[in-house]
């Protein structure tokens, strides 16, 4: 069992499906012979997530989530199946943990008087620099 949050667990054997495919890119002869890249498939409908966490998960997963709610992660960073499998599972857990965190709502505040003065002084300085540029112009 993999723990995602205090009350959310995933059964690694039942919920996660890992298959191994041939990796792309450089790697010499092994790329053509060995299937070391891990392709992880996780059906999000098998676990019960809060509604807001589901929305955050779909936004965070992006194109990695299919229309059916299956997250597909392709891991080919390492040269062995075991390390690529562990990497894919770690990336899935990180994605799910990030989706479970509720964002802190922003509280609107007003700028301080000092910050307003500093902003206007900076604008004045920049205006002076720009006004001194260029030729004074010729009068006929």
N, C-alpha and C. Protein backbone atom coordinates (compact mmCIF):
# COMPACT_ATOMS: atom_id res chain seq x y z
N UNK A 1 0.83 -1.18 0.00
CA UNK A 1 0.00 0.00 0.00
C UNK A 1 0.88 1.25 0.00
N UNK A 2 0.55 2.17 -0.87
CA UNK A 2 1.26 3.44 -0.95
C UNK A 2 0.39 4.53 -0.35
N UNK A 3 0.98 5.32 0.54
CA UNK A 3 0.21 6.36 1.22
C UNK A 3 0.36 7.68 0.49
N UNK A 4 -0.78 8.30 0.18
CA UNK A 4 -0.77 9.58 -0.51
C UNK A 4 -1.07 10.70 0.47
N UNK A 5 -2.12 10.53 1.22
CA UNK A 5 -2.51 11.50 2.24
C UNK A 5 -2.84 10.73 3.51
N UNK A 6 -3.26 11.46 4.51
CA UNK A 6 -3.55 10.84 5.81
C UNK A 6 -4.57 9.71 5.68
N UNK A 7 -5.57 9.90 4.85
CA UNK A 7 -6.63 8.90 4.72
C UNK A 7 -6.79 8.36 3.30
N UNK A 8 -5.74 8.48 2.48
CA UNK A 8 -5.82 8.02 1.09
C UNK A 8 -4.63 7.11 0.78
N UNK A 9 -4.97 5.88 0.41
CA UNK A 9 -3.95 4.89 0.09
C UNK A 9 -4.22 4.31 -1.30
N UNK A 10 -3.13 3.82 -1.93
CA UNK A 10 -3.25 3.16 -3.23
C UNK A 10 -2.63 1.78 -3.08
N UNK A 11 -3.33 0.77 -3.58
CA UNK A 11 -2.78 -0.58 -3.60
C UNK A 11 -1.90 -0.69 -4.84
N UNK A 12 -0.61 -0.87 -4.62
CA UNK A 12 0.35 -0.87 -5.73
C UNK A 12 0.09 -2.01 -6.70
N UNK A 13 -0.37 -3.15 -6.21
CA UNK A 13 -0.57 -4.31 -7.08
C UNK A 13 -1.86 -4.22 -7.89
N UNK A 14 -2.93 -3.69 -7.29
CA UNK A 14 -4.23 -3.67 -7.97
C UNK A 14 -4.46 -2.42 -8.81
N UNK A 15 -4.07 -1.25 -8.28
CA UNK A 15 -4.43 0.02 -8.92
C UNK A 15 -3.45 0.49 -9.97
N UNK A 16 -2.20 0.08 -9.85
CA UNK A 16 -1.16 0.56 -10.77
C UNK A 16 -0.76 -0.55 -11.72
N UNK A 17 -0.77 -0.23 -13.01
CA UNK A 17 -0.37 -1.20 -14.03
C UNK A 17 0.90 -0.66 -14.71
N UNK A 18 1.98 -1.43 -14.62
CA UNK A 18 3.26 -1.01 -15.20
C UNK A 18 3.64 -2.01 -16.28
N UNK A 19 3.90 -1.49 -17.48
CA UNK A 19 4.41 -2.32 -18.57
C UNK A 19 5.73 -1.72 -19.03
N UNK A 20 6.54 -2.55 -19.64
CA UNK A 20 7.86 -2.10 -20.08
C UNK A 20 7.91 -2.11 -21.60
N UNK A 21 8.39 -1.00 -22.14
CA UNK A 21 8.47 -0.81 -23.59
C UNK A 21 9.90 -0.40 -23.94
N UNK A 22 10.19 -0.38 -25.21
CA UNK A 22 11.52 0.04 -25.65
C UNK A 22 11.64 1.55 -25.51
N UNK A 23 12.77 1.98 -24.97
CA UNK A 23 13.01 3.41 -24.79
C UNK A 23 13.46 4.03 -26.10
N UNK A 24 13.17 5.30 -26.27
CA UNK A 24 13.61 6.00 -27.47
C UNK A 24 14.87 6.79 -27.15
N UNK A 25 15.51 7.28 -28.18
CA UNK A 25 16.68 8.12 -27.98
C UNK A 25 17.98 7.33 -27.99
N UNK A 26 19.09 8.01 -27.63
CA UNK A 26 20.39 7.37 -27.67
C UNK A 26 20.53 6.30 -26.60
N UNK A 27 21.40 5.35 -26.82
CA UNK A 27 21.61 4.29 -25.84
C UNK A 27 22.33 3.11 -26.43
N UNK A 28 22.76 3.22 -27.67
CA UNK A 28 23.53 2.14 -28.28
C UNK A 28 22.66 0.95 -28.61
N UNK A 29 23.27 -0.24 -28.54
CA UNK A 29 22.58 -1.46 -28.92
C UNK A 29 21.43 -1.79 -27.98
N UNK A 30 21.53 -1.41 -26.70
CA UNK A 30 20.51 -1.79 -25.74
C UNK A 30 19.14 -1.21 -26.07
N UNK A 31 19.10 -0.05 -26.72
CA UNK A 31 17.82 0.56 -27.07
C UNK A 31 17.04 -0.36 -28.00
N UNK A 32 17.74 -1.04 -28.88
CA UNK A 32 17.09 -1.90 -29.86
C UNK A 32 16.75 -3.28 -29.30
N UNK A 33 17.41 -3.68 -28.18
CA UNK A 33 17.25 -5.04 -27.68
C UNK A 33 16.38 -5.15 -26.42
N UNK A 34 16.50 -4.17 -25.51
CA UNK A 34 15.87 -4.29 -24.20
C UNK A 34 14.69 -3.35 -24.04
N UNK A 35 13.69 -3.81 -23.33
CA UNK A 35 12.54 -2.97 -23.01
C UNK A 35 12.71 -2.46 -21.57
N UNK A 36 13.36 -1.31 -21.44
CA UNK A 36 13.66 -0.80 -20.10
C UNK A 36 12.76 0.36 -19.70
N UNK A 37 12.12 1.03 -20.63
CA UNK A 37 11.27 2.16 -20.29
C UNK A 37 9.97 1.65 -19.66
N UNK A 38 9.56 2.31 -18.58
CA UNK A 38 8.34 1.90 -17.88
C UNK A 38 7.19 2.80 -18.29
N UNK A 39 6.06 2.17 -18.57
CA UNK A 39 4.83 2.91 -18.88
C UNK A 39 3.82 2.57 -17.79
N UNK A 40 3.51 3.55 -16.96
CA UNK A 40 2.61 3.36 -15.83
C UNK A 40 1.22 3.86 -16.22
N UNK A 41 0.21 3.07 -15.87
CA UNK A 41 -1.18 3.46 -16.11
C UNK A 41 -1.91 3.36 -14.78
N UNK A 42 -2.60 4.46 -14.42
CA UNK A 42 -3.32 4.52 -13.15
C UNK A 42 -4.70 5.09 -13.41
N UNK A 43 -5.72 4.32 -13.09
CA UNK A 43 -7.11 4.75 -13.28
C UNK A 43 -7.54 5.54 -12.04
N UNK A 44 -7.81 6.82 -12.22
CA UNK A 44 -8.17 7.67 -11.09
C UNK A 44 -9.56 7.37 -10.56
N UNK A 45 -10.37 6.65 -11.31
CA UNK A 45 -11.72 6.33 -10.86
C UNK A 45 -11.72 5.23 -9.80
N UNK A 46 -10.60 4.55 -9.61
CA UNK A 46 -10.52 3.48 -8.61
C UNK A 46 -10.38 4.02 -7.19
N UNK A 47 -9.94 5.25 -7.06
CA UNK A 47 -9.79 5.83 -5.73
C UNK A 47 -10.81 6.96 -5.58
N UNK A 48 -11.18 7.24 -4.36
CA UNK A 48 -12.14 8.31 -4.11
C UNK A 48 -11.38 9.56 -3.68
N UNK A 49 -11.42 10.55 -4.53
CA UNK A 49 -10.78 11.84 -4.25
C UNK A 49 -11.87 12.88 -3.99
N UNK A 50 -11.58 13.88 -3.17
CA UNK A 50 -12.52 14.99 -3.06
C UNK A 50 -12.69 15.68 -4.41
N UNK A 51 -13.82 16.32 -4.61
CA UNK A 51 -14.11 16.94 -5.91
C UNK A 51 -13.08 17.98 -6.29
N UNK A 52 -12.64 18.82 -5.32
CA UNK A 52 -11.65 19.84 -5.65
C UNK A 52 -10.31 19.22 -5.98
N UNK A 53 -9.96 18.10 -5.33
CA UNK A 53 -8.70 17.42 -5.63
C UNK A 53 -8.74 16.79 -7.01
N UNK A 54 -9.91 16.31 -7.43
CA UNK A 54 -10.03 15.75 -8.78
C UNK A 54 -9.78 16.82 -9.83
N UNK A 55 -10.33 18.00 -9.62
CA UNK A 55 -10.12 19.10 -10.57
C UNK A 55 -8.65 19.49 -10.62
N UNK A 56 -8.02 19.59 -9.44
CA UNK A 56 -6.59 19.95 -9.42
C UNK A 56 -5.76 18.87 -10.09
N UNK A 57 -6.11 17.61 -9.87
CA UNK A 57 -5.36 16.51 -10.48
C UNK A 57 -5.47 16.54 -11.99
N UNK A 58 -6.67 16.78 -12.51
CA UNK A 58 -6.82 16.82 -13.97
C UNK A 58 -6.06 18.00 -14.57
N UNK A 59 -6.02 19.12 -13.83
CA UNK A 59 -5.28 20.29 -14.32
C UNK A 59 -3.77 20.03 -14.26
N UNK A 60 -3.30 19.41 -13.17
CA UNK A 60 -1.88 19.15 -13.02
C UNK A 60 -1.39 18.07 -13.98
N UNK A 61 -2.22 17.05 -14.21
CA UNK A 61 -1.81 15.95 -15.08
C UNK A 61 -1.75 16.40 -16.54
N UNK A 62 -2.65 17.28 -16.94
CA UNK A 62 -2.63 17.80 -18.31
C UNK A 62 -2.83 16.70 -19.33
N UNK A 63 -1.91 16.59 -20.27
CA UNK A 63 -2.03 15.61 -21.35
C UNK A 63 -1.71 14.19 -20.89
N UNK A 64 -1.16 14.05 -19.70
CA UNK A 64 -0.88 12.71 -19.18
C UNK A 64 -2.15 11.98 -18.77
N UNK A 65 -3.27 12.71 -18.64
CA UNK A 65 -4.53 12.07 -18.28
C UNK A 65 -5.41 11.95 -19.52
N UNK A 66 -5.94 10.74 -19.72
CA UNK A 66 -6.82 10.52 -20.87
C UNK A 66 -8.22 11.00 -20.53
N UNK A 67 -9.10 10.97 -21.52
CA UNK A 67 -10.49 11.39 -21.30
C UNK A 67 -11.21 10.47 -20.33
N UNK A 68 -10.75 9.22 -20.24
CA UNK A 68 -11.37 8.25 -19.34
C UNK A 68 -10.87 8.37 -17.91
N UNK A 69 -9.95 9.28 -17.65
CA UNK A 69 -9.44 9.46 -16.30
C UNK A 69 -8.26 8.57 -15.96
N UNK A 70 -7.55 8.07 -16.97
CA UNK A 70 -6.39 7.22 -16.75
C UNK A 70 -5.13 8.07 -16.91
N UNK A 71 -4.29 8.06 -15.89
CA UNK A 71 -3.01 8.79 -15.96
C UNK A 71 -1.97 7.86 -16.53
N UNK A 72 -1.26 8.31 -17.57
CA UNK A 72 -0.20 7.53 -18.21
C UNK A 72 1.11 8.27 -18.01
N UNK A 73 2.06 7.60 -17.35
CA UNK A 73 3.38 8.19 -17.11
C UNK A 73 4.41 7.31 -17.78
N UNK A 74 5.26 7.92 -18.59
CA UNK A 74 6.31 7.22 -19.32
C UNK A 74 7.65 7.58 -18.70
N UNK A 75 8.35 6.60 -18.14
CA UNK A 75 9.64 6.85 -17.47
C UNK A 75 10.73 6.10 -18.19
N UNK A 76 11.71 6.84 -18.71
CA UNK A 76 12.83 6.21 -19.41
C UNK A 76 14.15 6.88 -19.07
N UNK A 77 14.21 7.46 -17.88
CA UNK A 77 15.39 8.21 -17.46
C UNK A 77 16.59 7.30 -17.17
N UNK A 78 16.30 6.09 -16.67
CA UNK A 78 17.37 5.20 -16.24
C UNK A 78 17.52 4.02 -17.19
N UNK A 79 18.58 3.22 -16.97
CA UNK A 79 18.87 2.12 -17.88
C UNK A 79 18.33 0.78 -17.41
N UNK A 80 17.70 0.75 -16.25
CA UNK A 80 17.16 -0.52 -15.76
C UNK A 80 15.65 -0.41 -15.56
N UNK A 81 14.97 -1.55 -15.66
CA UNK A 81 13.53 -1.57 -15.48
C UNK A 81 13.14 -1.18 -14.06
N UNK A 82 13.88 -1.66 -13.08
CA UNK A 82 13.53 -1.41 -11.68
C UNK A 82 13.57 0.09 -11.37
N UNK A 83 14.63 0.76 -11.81
CA UNK A 83 14.76 2.19 -11.51
C UNK A 83 13.72 3.01 -12.27
N UNK A 84 13.42 2.63 -13.51
CA UNK A 84 12.39 3.34 -14.26
C UNK A 84 11.01 3.11 -13.66
N UNK A 85 10.74 1.91 -13.16
CA UNK A 85 9.47 1.62 -12.50
C UNK A 85 9.33 2.45 -11.23
N UNK A 86 10.38 2.49 -10.43
CA UNK A 86 10.35 3.28 -9.20
C UNK A 86 10.19 4.77 -9.52
N UNK A 87 10.84 5.23 -10.58
CA UNK A 87 10.73 6.64 -10.98
C UNK A 87 9.31 6.97 -11.40
N UNK A 88 8.66 6.09 -12.15
CA UNK A 88 7.28 6.33 -12.60
C UNK A 88 6.33 6.36 -11.40
N UNK A 89 6.51 5.45 -10.45
CA UNK A 89 5.64 5.42 -9.27
C UNK A 89 5.86 6.68 -8.43
N UNK A 90 7.12 7.10 -8.28
CA UNK A 90 7.40 8.32 -7.52
C UNK A 90 6.76 9.54 -8.16
N UNK A 91 6.80 9.60 -9.49
CA UNK A 91 6.19 10.74 -10.19
C UNK A 91 4.67 10.74 -10.03
N UNK A 92 4.06 9.56 -10.04
CA UNK A 92 2.62 9.46 -9.82
C UNK A 92 2.25 9.91 -8.41
N UNK A 93 3.00 9.43 -7.41
CA UNK A 93 2.71 9.81 -6.03
C UNK A 93 2.88 11.31 -5.82
N UNK A 94 3.91 11.89 -6.43
CA UNK A 94 4.13 13.33 -6.30
C UNK A 94 2.96 14.11 -6.93
N UNK A 95 2.49 13.63 -8.06
CA UNK A 95 1.36 14.27 -8.73
C UNK A 95 0.10 14.20 -7.86
N UNK A 96 -0.16 13.04 -7.28
CA UNK A 96 -1.35 12.88 -6.44
C UNK A 96 -1.24 13.69 -5.15
N UNK A 97 -0.06 13.71 -4.55
CA UNK A 97 0.13 14.49 -3.32
C UNK A 97 -0.04 15.98 -3.59
N UNK A 98 0.47 16.43 -4.72
CA UNK A 98 0.33 17.85 -5.07
C UNK A 98 -1.14 18.21 -5.31
N UNK A 99 -1.90 17.27 -5.87
CA UNK A 99 -3.31 17.53 -6.12
C UNK A 99 -4.11 17.56 -4.82
N UNK A 100 -3.66 16.87 -3.80
CA UNK A 100 -4.37 16.82 -2.52
C UNK A 100 -4.19 18.09 -1.70
N UNK A 101 -3.19 18.89 -2.01
CA UNK A 101 -2.92 20.11 -1.24
C UNK A 101 -3.85 21.22 -1.71
N UNK A 102 -4.62 21.75 -0.79
CA UNK A 102 -5.52 22.86 -1.13
C UNK A 102 -4.73 24.16 -1.17
N UNK A 103 -4.88 24.96 -2.21
CA UNK A 103 -4.16 26.23 -2.25
C UNK A 103 -4.72 27.20 -1.21
N UNK A 104 -3.82 27.99 -0.64
CA UNK A 104 -4.23 28.99 0.34
C UNK A 104 -4.84 30.17 -0.42
N UNK A 105 -6.07 30.56 -0.09
CA UNK A 105 -6.68 31.67 -0.82
C UNK A 105 -5.95 32.98 -0.55
N UNK A 106 -5.82 33.78 -1.58
CA UNK A 106 -5.13 35.06 -1.47
C UNK A 106 -6.05 36.08 -0.83
N UNK A 107 -5.50 36.81 0.12
CA UNK A 107 -6.27 37.89 0.75
C UNK A 107 -5.82 39.20 0.12
N UNK A 108 -6.76 39.92 -0.42
CA UNK A 108 -6.44 41.19 -1.07
C UNK A 108 -6.01 42.21 -0.03
N UNK A 109 -4.90 42.89 -0.30
CA UNK A 109 -4.42 43.94 0.58
C UNK A 109 -4.17 45.19 -0.25
N UNK A 110 -4.15 46.33 0.42
CA UNK A 110 -3.89 47.58 -0.27
C UNK A 110 -2.40 47.90 -0.16
N UNK A 111 -1.83 48.54 -1.20
CA UNK A 111 -0.43 48.92 -1.10
C UNK A 111 -0.22 49.97 -0.02
N UNK A 112 0.94 49.92 0.62
CA UNK A 112 1.23 50.87 1.69
C UNK A 112 1.55 52.24 1.09
N UNK A 113 1.49 53.26 1.92
CA UNK A 113 1.78 54.61 1.46
C UNK A 113 3.23 54.71 0.98
N UNK A 114 4.14 54.07 1.71
CA UNK A 114 5.56 54.10 1.32
C UNK A 114 5.78 53.46 -0.04
N UNK A 115 5.11 52.33 -0.31
CA UNK A 115 5.29 51.67 -1.60
C UNK A 115 4.73 52.52 -2.74
N UNK A 116 3.64 53.25 -2.47
CA UNK A 116 3.09 54.15 -3.49
C UNK A 116 4.08 55.26 -3.80
N UNK A 117 4.68 55.85 -2.75
CA UNK A 117 5.66 56.93 -2.95
C UNK A 117 6.88 56.43 -3.71
N UNK A 118 7.39 55.25 -3.34
CA UNK A 118 8.56 54.70 -4.04
C UNK A 118 8.25 54.45 -5.51
N UNK A 119 7.06 53.96 -5.80
CA UNK A 119 6.67 53.70 -7.19
C UNK A 119 6.63 55.00 -7.98
N UNK A 120 6.02 56.05 -7.41
CA UNK A 120 5.92 57.33 -8.11
C UNK A 120 7.29 57.98 -8.28
N UNK A 121 8.17 57.85 -7.28
CA UNK A 121 9.53 58.40 -7.41
C UNK A 121 10.29 57.70 -8.52
N UNK A 122 10.14 56.39 -8.62
CA UNK A 122 10.79 55.64 -9.70
C UNK A 122 10.28 56.06 -11.06
N UNK A 123 8.98 56.27 -11.16
CA UNK A 123 8.40 56.72 -12.43
C UNK A 123 8.91 58.11 -12.80
N UNK A 124 9.05 58.98 -11.81
CA UNK A 124 9.54 60.34 -12.05
C UNK A 124 10.99 60.30 -12.53
N UNK A 125 11.83 59.48 -11.86
CA UNK A 125 13.23 59.35 -12.27
C UNK A 125 13.32 58.85 -13.71
N UNK A 126 12.51 57.85 -14.04
CA UNK A 126 12.54 57.28 -15.40
C UNK A 126 12.07 58.33 -16.41
N UNK A 127 11.07 59.13 -16.04
CA UNK A 127 10.56 60.17 -16.92
C UNK A 127 11.64 61.23 -17.18
N UNK A 128 12.39 61.60 -16.13
CA UNK A 128 13.47 62.58 -16.30
C UNK A 128 14.55 62.06 -17.24
N UNK A 129 14.91 60.78 -17.09
CA UNK A 129 15.93 60.18 -17.96
C UNK A 129 15.46 60.23 -19.41
N UNK A 130 14.22 59.86 -19.64
CA UNK A 130 13.72 59.81 -21.01
C UNK A 130 13.54 61.21 -21.60
N UNK A 131 13.17 62.18 -20.77
CA UNK A 131 12.96 63.53 -21.30
C UNK A 131 14.28 64.19 -21.70
N UNK A 132 15.39 63.76 -21.11
CA UNK A 132 16.70 64.34 -21.45
C UNK A 132 17.33 63.68 -22.67
N UNK A 133 16.70 62.67 -23.20
CA UNK A 133 17.22 62.00 -24.39
C UNK A 133 16.89 62.83 -25.62
N UNK A 134 17.57 62.50 -26.70
CA UNK A 134 17.28 63.13 -28.00
C UNK A 134 17.82 64.52 -28.12
N UNK A 135 17.83 65.02 -29.32
CA UNK A 135 18.33 66.38 -29.55
C UNK A 135 17.23 67.37 -29.18
N UNK A 136 17.64 68.55 -28.80
CA UNK A 136 16.69 69.56 -28.39
C UNK A 136 15.80 70.02 -29.51
N UNK A 137 16.13 69.69 -30.73
CA UNK A 137 15.32 70.09 -31.87
C UNK A 137 15.79 71.42 -32.41
N UNK A 138 15.58 71.64 -33.66
CA UNK A 138 15.97 72.90 -34.31
C UNK A 138 14.75 73.75 -34.51
N UNK A 139 14.92 75.00 -34.17
CA UNK A 139 13.80 75.92 -34.40
C UNK A 139 14.15 76.78 -35.61
N UNK A 140 13.22 76.96 -36.49
CA UNK A 140 13.46 77.75 -37.69
C UNK A 140 13.28 79.21 -37.45
